Amino acid sequence: PRPERAVFIEMLKTAIPYYEFRHVIKPGLTGWAQVKYPYGASIEDGMWKHRYDMYYIKHQSFGFDFKIILHTIRVVLAGLGR
């Protein structure tokens, strides 16, 4: 998962059960949540991104990382990101 802004971490930890588990692995430059969920800054957006992060943690592999990289390239080249 991509790192979250420090100002939001405490707020998200209190609002989202098991939020701290996303910190079990080192953050990266991109993530499953970043390529599958649109930009968002609300608590509800954080909850959805947390679901994607937990999915990544459960299914992490070289193949999955490669898939995320391909999705990231598509998002950047197609101008789908924000």
PDB file of N, CA and C in Angstrom:
ATOM      1  N   PRO A   1       0.821  -1.214   0.000  1.00  0.00           N
ATOM      2  CA  PRO A   1       0.000   0.000   0.000  1.00  0.00           C
ATOM      3  C   PRO A   1       0.852   1.259   0.000  1.00  0.00           C
ATOM      4  N   ARG A   2       0.352   2.291  -0.594  1.00  0.00           N
ATOM      5  CA  ARG A   2       1.032   3.578  -0.542  1.00  0.00           C
ATOM      6  C   ARG A   2       0.884   4.156   0.848  1.00  0.00           C
ATOM      7  N   PRO A   3       1.874   4.906   1.307  1.00  0.00           N
ATOM      8  CA  PRO A   3       1.757   5.509   2.637  1.00  0.00           C
ATOM      9  C   PRO A   3       0.662   6.570   2.667  1.00  0.00           C
ATOM     10  N   GLU A   4       0.019   6.678   3.790  1.00  0.00           N
ATOM     11  CA  GLU A   4      -1.024   7.694   3.985  1.00  0.00           C
ATOM     12  C   GLU A   4      -0.377   8.922   4.597  1.00  0.00           C
ATOM     13  N   ARG A   5      -0.972  10.065   4.391  1.00  0.00           N
ATOM     14  CA  ARG A   5      -0.467  11.297   4.993  1.00  0.00           C
ATOM     15  C   ARG A   5      -0.577  11.193   6.507  1.00  0.00           C
ATOM     16  N   ALA A   6       0.475  11.608   7.188  1.00  0.00           N
ATOM     17  CA  ALA A   6       0.569  11.460   8.646  1.00  0.00           C
ATOM     18  C   ALA A   6      -0.604  12.103   9.377  1.00  0.00           C
ATOM     19  N   VAL A   7      -1.108  13.196   8.853  1.00  0.00           N
ATOM     20  CA  VAL A   7      -2.191  13.910   9.518  1.00  0.00           C
ATOM     21  C   VAL A   7      -3.464  13.060   9.594  1.00  0.00           C
ATOM     22  N   PHE A   8      -3.621  12.109   8.677  1.00  0.00           N
ATOM     23  CA  PHE A   8      -4.829  11.293   8.647  1.00  0.00           C
ATOM     24  C   PHE A   8      -4.704   9.950   9.367  1.00  0.00           C
ATOM     25  N   ILE A   9      -3.497   9.511   9.652  1.00  0.00           N
ATOM     26  CA  ILE A   9      -3.302   8.161  10.188  1.00  0.00           C
ATOM     27  C   ILE A   9      -4.051   7.943  11.492  1.00  0.00           C
ATOM     28  N   GLU A  10      -3.913   8.822  12.461  1.00  0.00           N
ATOM     29  CA  GLU A  10      -4.595   8.638  13.751  1.00  0.00           C
ATOM     30  C   GLU A  10      -6.110   8.645  13.586  1.00  0.00           C
ATOM     31  N   MET A  11      -6.598   9.543  12.753  1.00  0.00           N
ATOM     32  CA  MET A  11      -8.036   9.623  12.512  1.00  0.00           C
ATOM     33  C   MET A  11      -8.541   8.318  11.871  1.00  0.00           C
ATOM     34  N   LEU A  12      -7.804   7.795  10.909  1.00  0.00           N
ATOM     35  CA  LEU A  12      -8.212   6.563  10.239  1.00  0.00           C
ATOM     36  C   LEU A  12      -8.105   5.356  11.172  1.00  0.00           C
ATOM     37  N   LYS A  13      -7.097   5.358  12.044  1.00  0.00           N
ATOM     38  CA  LYS A  13      -6.953   4.240  12.989  1.00  0.00           C
ATOM     39  C   LYS A  13      -8.147   4.138  13.926  1.00  0.00           C
ATOM     40  N   THR A  14      -8.722   5.266  14.291  1.00  0.00           N
ATOM     41  CA  THR A  14      -9.879   5.224  15.185  1.00  0.00           C
ATOM     42  C   THR A  14     -11.171   4.912  14.433  1.00  0.00           C
ATOM     43  N   ALA A  15     -11.226   5.241  13.143  1.00  0.00           N
ATOM     44  CA  ALA A  15     -12.456   5.051  12.368  1.00  0.00           C
ATOM     45  C   ALA A  15     -12.535   3.704  11.654  1.00  0.00           C
ATOM     46  N   ILE A  16     -11.379   3.096  11.354  1.00  0.00           N
ATOM     47  CA  ILE A  16     -11.365   1.873  10.547  1.00  0.00           C
ATOM     48  C   ILE A  16     -10.781   0.730  11.365  1.00  0.00           C
ATOM     49  N   PRO A  17     -11.581  -0.290  11.647  1.00  0.00           N
ATOM     50  CA  PRO A  17     -11.059  -1.442  12.391  1.00  0.00           C
ATOM     51  C   PRO A  17      -9.889  -2.092  11.645  1.00  0.00           C
ATOM     52  N   TYR A  18      -8.869  -2.460  12.381  1.00  0.00           N
ATOM     53  CA  TYR A  18      -7.686  -3.145  11.846  1.00  0.00           C
ATOM     54  C   TYR A  18      -6.874  -2.288  10.869  1.00  0.00           C
ATOM     55  N   TYR A  19      -7.037  -0.993  10.930  1.00  0.00           N
ATOM     56  CA  TYR A  19      -6.310  -0.110  10.011  1.00  0.00           C
ATOM     57  C   TYR A  19      -4.799  -0.295  10.137  1.00  0.00           C
ATOM     58  N   GLU A  20      -4.325  -0.538  11.345  1.00  0.00           N
ATOM     59  CA  GLU A  20      -2.874  -0.646  11.554  1.00  0.00           C
ATOM     60  C   GLU A  20      -2.259  -1.840  10.829  1.00  0.00           C
ATOM     61  N   PHE A  21      -3.070  -2.823  10.429  1.00  0.00           N
ATOM     62  CA  PHE A  21      -2.534  -3.984   9.712  1.00  0.00           C
ATOM     63  C   PHE A  21      -1.972  -3.612   8.341  1.00  0.00           C
ATOM     64  N   ARG A  22      -2.404  -2.496   7.784  1.00  0.00           N
ATOM     65  CA  ARG A  22      -1.865  -2.096   6.485  1.00  0.00           C
ATOM     66  C   ARG A  22      -0.402  -1.678   6.602  1.00  0.00           C
ATOM     67  N   HIS A  23       0.064  -1.464   7.837  1.00  0.00           N
ATOM     68  CA  HIS A  23       1.458  -1.092   8.059  1.00  0.00           C
ATOM     69  C   HIS A  23       2.353  -2.300   8.302  1.00  0.00           C
ATOM     70  N   VAL A  24       1.817  -3.497   8.131  1.00  0.00           N
ATOM     71  CA  VAL A  24       2.590  -4.724   8.323  1.00  0.00           C
ATOM     72  C   VAL A  24       3.671  -4.845   7.250  1.00  0.00           C
ATOM     73  N   ILE A  25       3.382  -4.343   6.058  1.00  0.00           N
ATOM     74  CA  ILE A  25       4.360  -4.405   4.976  1.00  0.00           C
ATOM     75  C   ILE A  25       4.843  -3.000   4.645  1.00  0.00           C
ATOM     76  N   LYS A  26       6.013  -2.914   4.007  1.00  0.00           N
ATOM     77  CA  LYS A  26       6.577  -1.618   3.651  1.00  0.00           C
ATOM     78  C   LYS A  26       5.716  -0.941   2.591  1.00  0.00           C
ATOM     79  N   PRO A  27       5.560   0.373   2.694  1.00  0.00           N
ATOM     80  CA  PRO A  27       4.789   1.087   1.677  1.00  0.00           C
ATOM     81  C   PRO A  27       5.527   1.116   0.344  1.00  0.00           C
ATOM     82  N   GLY A  28       4.771   1.293  -0.710  1.00  0.00           N
ATOM     83  CA  GLY A  28       5.349   1.346  -2.045  1.00  0.00           C
ATOM     84  C   GLY A  28       4.986   2.635  -2.758  1.00  0.00           C
ATOM     85  N   LEU A  29       5.391   2.723  -4.003  1.00  0.00           N
ATOM     86  CA  LEU A  29       5.108   3.906  -4.813  1.00  0.00           C
ATOM     87  C   LEU A  29       3.691   3.908  -5.359  1.00  0.00           C
ATOM     88  N   THR A  30       3.125   2.734  -5.497  1.00  0.00           N
ATOM     89  CA  THR A  30       1.762   2.595  -5.980  1.00  0.00           C
ATOM     90  C   THR A  30       1.108   1.480  -5.180  1.00  0.00           C
ATOM     91  N   GLY A  31      -0.110   1.187  -5.466  1.00  0.00           N
ATOM     92  CA  GLY A  31      -0.782   0.128  -4.726  1.00  0.00           C
ATOM     93  C   GLY A  31      -2.073  -0.276  -5.404  1.00  0.00           C
ATOM     94  N   TRP A  32      -2.625  -1.399  -4.978  1.00  0.00           N
ATOM     95  CA  TRP A  32      -3.868  -1.913  -5.532  1.00  0.00           C
ATOM     96  C   TRP A  32      -4.996  -0.898  -5.345  1.00  0.00           C
ATOM     97  N   ALA A  33      -5.061  -0.293  -4.179  1.00  0.00           N
ATOM     98  CA  ALA A  33      -6.111   0.702  -3.918  1.00  0.00           C
ATOM     99  C   ALA A  33      -5.959   1.912  -4.834  1.00  0.00           C
ATOM    100  N   GLN A  34      -4.733   2.308  -5.129  1.00  0.00           N
ATOM    101  CA  GLN A  34      -4.508   3.491  -5.950  1.00  0.00           C
ATOM    102  C   GLN A  34      -4.927   3.277  -7.401  1.00  0.00           C
ATOM    103  N   VAL A  35      -4.819   2.060  -7.903  1.00  0.00           N
ATOM    104  CA  VAL A  35      -5.193   1.823  -9.303  1.00  0.00           C
ATOM    105  C   VAL A  35      -6.629   1.337  -9.461  1.00  0.00           C
ATOM    106  N   LYS A  36      -7.252   0.886  -8.385  1.00  0.00           N
ATOM    107  CA  LYS A  36      -8.611   0.355  -8.473  1.00  0.00           C
ATOM    108  C   LYS A  36      -9.675   1.289  -7.905  1.00  0.00           C
ATOM    109  N   TYR A  37      -9.276   2.249  -7.080  1.00  0.00           N
ATOM    110  CA  TYR A  37     -10.246   3.139  -6.437  1.00  0.00           C
ATOM    111  C   TYR A  37      -9.905   4.577  -6.804  1.00  0.00           C
ATOM    112  N   PRO A  38     -10.889   5.388  -7.143  1.00  0.00           N
ATOM    113  CA  PRO A  38     -10.590   6.779  -7.509  1.00  0.00           C
ATOM    114  C   PRO A  38     -10.054   7.573  -6.316  1.00  0.00           C
ATOM    115  N   TYR A  39      -9.444   8.684  -6.618  1.00  0.00           N
ATOM    116  CA  TYR A  39      -8.914   9.549  -5.567  1.00  0.00           C
ATOM    117  C   TYR A  39     -10.020   9.914  -4.588  1.00  0.00           C
ATOM    118  N   GLY A  40      -9.690   9.896  -3.322  1.00  0.00           N
ATOM    119  CA  GLY A  40     -10.662  10.277  -2.307  1.00  0.00           C
ATOM    120  C   GLY A  40      -9.967  10.681  -1.030  1.00  0.00           C
ATOM    121  N   ALA A  41     -10.588  11.572  -0.281  1.00  0.00           N
ATOM    122  CA  ALA A  41      -9.969  12.072   0.940  1.00  0.00           C
ATOM    123  C   ALA A  41     -10.872  11.941   2.157  1.00  0.00           C
ATOM    124  N   SER A  42     -11.987  11.240   2.022  1.00  0.00           N
ATOM    125  CA  SER A  42     -12.906  11.112   3.153  1.00  0.00           C
ATOM    126  C   SER A  42     -12.629   9.831   3.942  1.00  0.00           C
ATOM    127  N   ILE A  43     -13.233   9.723   5.113  1.00  0.00           N
ATOM    128  CA  ILE A  43     -13.118   8.506   5.918  1.00  0.00           C
ATOM    129  C   ILE A  43     -13.693   7.324   5.139  1.00  0.00           C
ATOM    130  N   GLU A  44     -14.811   7.534   4.470  1.00  0.00           N
ATOM    131  CA  GLU A  44     -15.413   6.452   3.681  1.00  0.00           C
ATOM    132  C   GLU A  44     -14.460   5.993   2.574  1.00  0.00           C
ATOM    133  N   ASP A  45     -13.790   6.932   1.918  1.00  0.00           N
ATOM    134  CA  ASP A  45     -12.796   6.568   0.909  1.00  0.00           C
ATOM    135  C   ASP A  45     -11.670   5.765   1.544  1.00  0.00           C
ATOM    136  N   GLY A  46     -11.255   6.184   2.732  1.00  0.00           N
ATOM    137  CA  GLY A  46     -10.215   5.451   3.454  1.00  0.00           C
ATOM    138  C   GLY A  46     -10.629   4.028   3.766  1.00  0.00           C
ATOM    139  N   MET A  47     -11.897   3.835   4.092  1.00  0.00           N
ATOM    140  CA  MET A  47     -12.397   2.484   4.373  1.00  0.00           C
ATOM    141  C   MET A  47     -12.335   1.607   3.127  1.00  0.00           C
ATOM    142  N   TRP A  48     -12.733   2.168   1.985  1.00  0.00           N
ATOM    143  CA  TRP A  48     -12.667   1.391   0.742  1.00  0.00           C
ATOM    144  C   TRP A  48     -11.222   1.060   0.379  1.00  0.00           C
ATOM    145  N   LYS A  49     -10.337   2.037   0.493  1.00  0.00           N
ATOM    146  CA  LYS A  49      -8.930   1.788   0.168  1.00  0.00           C
ATOM    147  C   LYS A  49      -8.325   0.763   1.115  1.00  0.00           C
ATOM    148  N   HIS A  50      -8.764   0.793   2.361  1.00  0.00           N
ATOM    149  CA  HIS A  50      -8.280  -0.188   3.335  1.00  0.00           C
ATOM    150  C   HIS A  50      -8.653  -1.602   2.893  1.00  0.00           C
ATOM    151  N   ARG A  51      -9.846  -1.774   2.346  1.00  0.00           N
ATOM    152  CA  ARG A  51     -10.259  -3.095   1.846  1.00  0.00           C
ATOM    153  C   ARG A  51      -9.324  -3.572   0.740  1.00  0.00           C
ATOM    154  N   TYR A  52      -8.982  -2.678  -0.174  1.00  0.00           N
ATOM    155  CA  TYR A  52      -8.047  -3.040  -1.239  1.00  0.00           C
ATOM    156  C   TYR A  52      -6.665  -3.365  -0.666  1.00  0.00           C
ATOM    157  N   ASP A  53      -6.225  -2.598   0.324  1.00  0.00           N
ATOM    158  CA  ASP A  53      -4.926  -2.861   0.951  1.00  0.00           C
ATOM    159  C   ASP A  53      -4.907  -4.220   1.637  1.00  0.00           C
ATOM    160  N   MET A  54      -5.979  -4.566   2.331  1.00  0.00           N
ATOM    161  CA  MET A  54      -6.043  -5.871   2.998  1.00  0.00           C
ATOM    162  C   MET A  54      -6.059  -7.006   1.970  1.00  0.00           C
ATOM    163  N   TYR A  55      -6.737  -6.801   0.857  1.00  0.00           N
ATOM    164  CA  TYR A  55      -6.735  -7.800  -0.213  1.00  0.00           C
ATOM    165  C   TYR A  55      -5.310  -8.002  -0.719  1.00  0.00           C
ATOM    166  N   TYR A  56      -4.593  -6.890  -0.919  1.00  0.00           N
ATOM    167  CA  TYR A  56      -3.207  -6.984  -1.382  1.00  0.00           C
ATOM    168  C   TYR A  56      -2.345  -7.749  -0.377  1.00  0.00           C
ATOM    169  N   ILE A  57      -2.477  -7.425   0.890  1.00  0.00           N
ATOM    170  CA  ILE A  57      -1.660  -8.091   1.914  1.00  0.00           C
ATOM    171  C   ILE A  57      -1.919  -9.594   1.918  1.00  0.00           C
ATOM    172  N   LYS A  58      -3.177  -9.993   1.769  1.00  0.00           N
ATOM    173  CA  LYS A  58      -3.513 -11.422   1.765  1.00  0.00           C
ATOM    174  C   LYS A  58      -3.026 -12.141   0.516  1.00  0.00           C
ATOM    175  N   HIS A  59      -2.925 -11.435  -0.607  1.00  0.00           N
ATOM    176  CA  HIS A  59      -2.625 -12.079  -1.882  1.00  0.00           C
ATOM    177  C   HIS A  59      -1.310 -11.613  -2.508  1.00  0.00           C
ATOM    178  N   GLN A  60      -0.451 -10.976  -1.726  1.00  0.00           N
ATOM    179  CA  GLN A  60       0.762 -10.421  -2.313  1.00  0.00           C
ATOM    180  C   GLN A  60       1.648 -11.501  -2.925  1.00  0.00           C
ATOM    181  N   SER A  61       2.182 -11.174  -4.089  1.00  0.00           N
ATOM    182  CA  SER A  61       3.091 -12.061  -4.815  1.00  0.00           C
ATOM    183  C   SER A  61       3.779 -11.226  -5.891  1.00  0.00           C
ATOM    184  N   PHE A  62       4.804 -11.798  -6.492  1.00  0.00           N
ATOM    185  CA  PHE A  62       5.488 -11.100  -7.577  1.00  0.00           C
ATOM    186  C   PHE A  62       4.517 -10.849  -8.732  1.00  0.00           C
ATOM    187  N   GLY A  63       3.696 -11.844  -9.046  1.00  0.00           N
ATOM    188  CA  GLY A  63       2.725 -11.702 -10.126  1.00  0.00           C
ATOM    189  C   GLY A  63       1.718 -10.596  -9.861  1.00  0.00           C
ATOM    190  N   PHE A  64       1.252 -10.509  -8.616  1.00  0.00           N
ATOM    191  CA  PHE A  64       0.291  -9.459  -8.256  1.00  0.00           C
ATOM    192  C   PHE A  64       0.965  -8.092  -8.330  1.00  0.00           C
ATOM    193  N   ASP A  65       2.213  -8.001  -7.860  1.00  0.00           N
ATOM    194  CA  ASP A  65       2.948  -6.739  -7.953  1.00  0.00           C
ATOM    195  C   ASP A  65       3.102  -6.314  -9.415  1.00  0.00           C
ATOM    196  N   PHE A  66       3.397  -7.281 -10.282  1.00  0.00           N
ATOM    197  CA  PHE A  66       3.544  -6.988 -11.707  1.00  0.00           C
ATOM    198  C   PHE A  66       2.221  -6.470 -12.283  1.00  0.00           C
ATOM    199  N   LYS A  67       1.124  -7.081 -11.876  1.00  0.00           N
ATOM    200  CA  LYS A  67      -0.205  -6.644 -12.321  1.00  0.00           C
ATOM    201  C   LYS A  67      -0.470  -5.199 -11.886  1.00  0.00           C
ATOM    202  N   ILE A  68      -0.089  -4.858 -10.659  1.00  0.00           N
ATOM    203  CA  ILE A  68      -0.273  -3.495 -10.153  1.00  0.00           C
ATOM    204  C   ILE A  68       0.565  -2.510 -10.966  1.00  0.00           C
ATOM    205  N   ILE A  69       1.791  -2.906 -11.297  1.00  0.00           N
ATOM    206  CA  ILE A  69       2.655  -2.037 -12.109  1.00  0.00           C
ATOM    207  C   ILE A  69       2.024  -1.786 -13.476  1.00  0.00           C
ATOM    208  N   LEU A  70       1.493  -2.846 -14.100  1.00  0.00           N
ATOM    209  CA  LEU A  70       0.837  -2.680 -15.402  1.00  0.00           C
ATOM    210  C   LEU A  70      -0.379  -1.761 -15.301  1.00  0.00           C
ATOM    211  N   HIS A  71      -1.174  -1.935 -14.247  1.00  0.00           N
ATOM    212  CA  HIS A  71      -2.334  -1.059 -14.038  1.00  0.00           C
ATOM    213  C   HIS A  71      -1.881   0.387 -13.814  1.00  0.00           C
ATOM    214  N   THR A  72      -0.797   0.577 -13.072  1.00  0.00           N
ATOM    215  CA  THR A  72      -0.281   1.921 -12.807  1.00  0.00           C
ATOM    216  C   THR A  72       0.141   2.594 -14.106  1.00  0.00           C
ATOM    217  N   ILE A  73       0.837   1.860 -14.956  1.00  0.00           N
ATOM    218  CA  ILE A  73       1.263   2.409 -16.248  1.00  0.00           C
ATOM    219  C   ILE A  73       0.046   2.816 -17.075  1.00  0.00           C
ATOM    220  N   ARG A  74      -0.974   1.975 -17.086  1.00  0.00           N
ATOM    221  CA  ARG A  74      -2.199   2.286 -17.836  1.00  0.00           C
ATOM    222  C   ARG A  74      -2.862   3.555 -17.290  1.00  0.00           C
ATOM    223  N   VAL A  75      -2.945   3.663 -15.966  1.00  0.00           N
ATOM    224  CA  VAL A  75      -3.564   4.838 -15.342  1.00  0.00           C
ATOM    225  C   VAL A  75      -2.792   6.104 -15.708  1.00  0.00           C
ATOM    226  N   VAL A  76      -1.468   6.033 -15.662  1.00  0.00           N
ATOM    227  CA  VAL A  76      -0.643   7.205 -15.960  1.00  0.00           C
ATOM    228  C   VAL A  76      -0.744   7.579 -17.439  1.00  0.00           C
ATOM    229  N   LEU A  77      -0.562   6.600 -18.329  1.00  0.00           N
ATOM    230  CA  LEU A  77      -0.567   6.895 -19.764  1.00  0.00           C
ATOM    231  C   LEU A  77      -1.939   7.323 -20.278  1.00  0.00           C
ATOM    232  N   ALA A  78      -2.986   6.769 -19.711  1.00  0.00           N
ATOM    233  CA  ALA A  78      -4.340   7.117 -20.144  1.00  0.00           C
ATOM    234  C   ALA A  78      -4.864   8.375 -19.452  1.00  0.00           C
ATOM    235  N   GLY A  79      -4.097   8.900 -18.498  1.00  0.00           N
ATOM    236  CA  GLY A  79      -4.523  10.102 -17.787  1.00  0.00           C
ATOM    237  C   GLY A  79      -5.724   9.868 -16.891  1.00  0.00           C
ATOM    238  N   LEU A  80      -5.837   8.643 -16.366  1.00  0.00           N
ATOM    239  CA  LEU A  80      -6.981   8.299 -15.525  1.00  0.00           C
ATOM    240  C   LEU A  80      -6.795   8.725 -14.079  1.00  0.00           C
ATOM    241  N   GLY A  81      -5.554   8.993 -13.691  1.00  0.00           N
ATOM    242  CA  GLY A  81      -5.277   9.389 -12.309  1.00  0.00           C
ATOM    243  C   GLY A  81      -5.579  10.859 -12.100  1.00  0.00           C
ATOM    244  N   ARG A  82      -5.362  11.284 -10.895  1.00  0.00           N
ATOM    245  CA  ARG A  82      -5.627  12.675 -10.579  1.00  0.00           C
ATOM    246  C   ARG A  82      -4.353  13.427 -10.403  1.00  0.00           C
TER     247      ARG A  82
END
